Amino acid sequence: MKLKLEARGEDSRLIAYLSPLLAGLLTLVTGACLFAALGKPPLETLYTFFIKPISDIDGWSELGVKATPILLCATGLAVCFRANVWNIGAEGQLLMGGLIGSCAALAFIDVDSFWVLPVVLLAGALAGACWAAIPALLKTQFNTNEILSTIMLNYIALNLLLYAIHGPLKDPSGFNFPESALFSDSSMLPIIFEGTRLHAGLYIALLAVVAVWVLLSKTFIGFQIAVLGKDARSAKFAGFKEKKLIWFVLLICGGLAGLAGVGEVTGPIGQLIPHISPGYGYAAIIVAFLGRLHPFGILLASLLMALLYMGGEMVQIEMGLPLALTGLFQGMLLFFLLACDVFIGYRIKIDRGCSAVSLAPVVLNN
């Protein structure tokens, strides 16, 4: 007797779009059980985690601050994943965007002009795109696995940032703290609401969502990306240039991730510090799949992921729980999402030689 997965045939689109909601519900239930095991009241802890952080206008503005870099990274990743290009390097591309954007901001620190901010943002976006060009070159010229190359480049980017902030970019008047000088006002993104940290980077992220939606659903190159992701051999037979498409999707993703990085240092932070990202590039991978690789689905998923970051900080402050709960909830969300996807596409059967008994839920066989 053995267990095996048997394909269902055609998947149900309705269940596919509902599975993120089911994954979220299972995450909440499991989280409640975890809080109870830790000796905390489950309902009160869930309220502190998911409701209290956004119980006032300051909370909602902070939600927008944290969702902005995640949204930019995840939107770019959706372009890559639709082409079946598995870019795991959004974190490194974000860090490089923040690093090179900071170099530009410090270079123009004494310049008070309207063009400084666009130059700084462009420098960050180009830095992210150039960092993504490395795995694009390795994949198209040497058939290197982009999963390995992009994830290794994340650590190189992090160490380059640490070298810069402890070395040439360190503020000589900063009392030996590992941080750059504060950027000038001309290098900073405008604040949307006075008294909050919500900045104009949110507008850039929303514009990116609309632009990527148009690209993927309304243009011929978006059609080529979809065909390449579903069947590379069919794309080649149709005359689509696979290598050019790989370059295109990686540069788009790197540019958006770099924009997220420079948006962090010119937005809520205002200078370069060692930890400009708590892992936004990695969280964006979960967000991309939770949003079903659709830009507007990713918008909603980004808000949820931002809430997880805020909730982890809130329960740490209010209830003394470890900040690692944020990563735990992210992991549970991804686990349940993948589990739901497996049951959407496959049913589990017990193979007893001459007969097999289906164990999969009937409700998913739509």
Foldseek 3Di string as FASTA:
>chain_A
DDKDKDFLPDFDPVLLLCLLVVLVVVLLVVQLVVCVVVVHRSVVLVCLQFPVLPVDPQSVLLLLVQLLLLLLLLLLCLLCVLLVQHQLQLLLLLLQLQQQLQVLLVVCQVPADLCSQVVSLQRLLVRLLVLLVVLLCCCVPVVDRNVVVRVVSNVVSLVVLQCCQQPVQPDPPPPNASWHDFGHPSNAFDAPDPPHLRGCSSVVSVVSLVVSLCVLPPDPLNVLSNCSNVPVVVSVVVVHDSSVSSSVSSSSSSSSSSSSNNNQCRTNNRTRHSPSDPCSSNLSVLLCVSLVSRSVSSSVSSSVLSSLQSSLVSCCVPPVDHSCVSVVSSVSSSVSSVVSVSLSGIWMWDCPPPDIDTDRDPVSSD
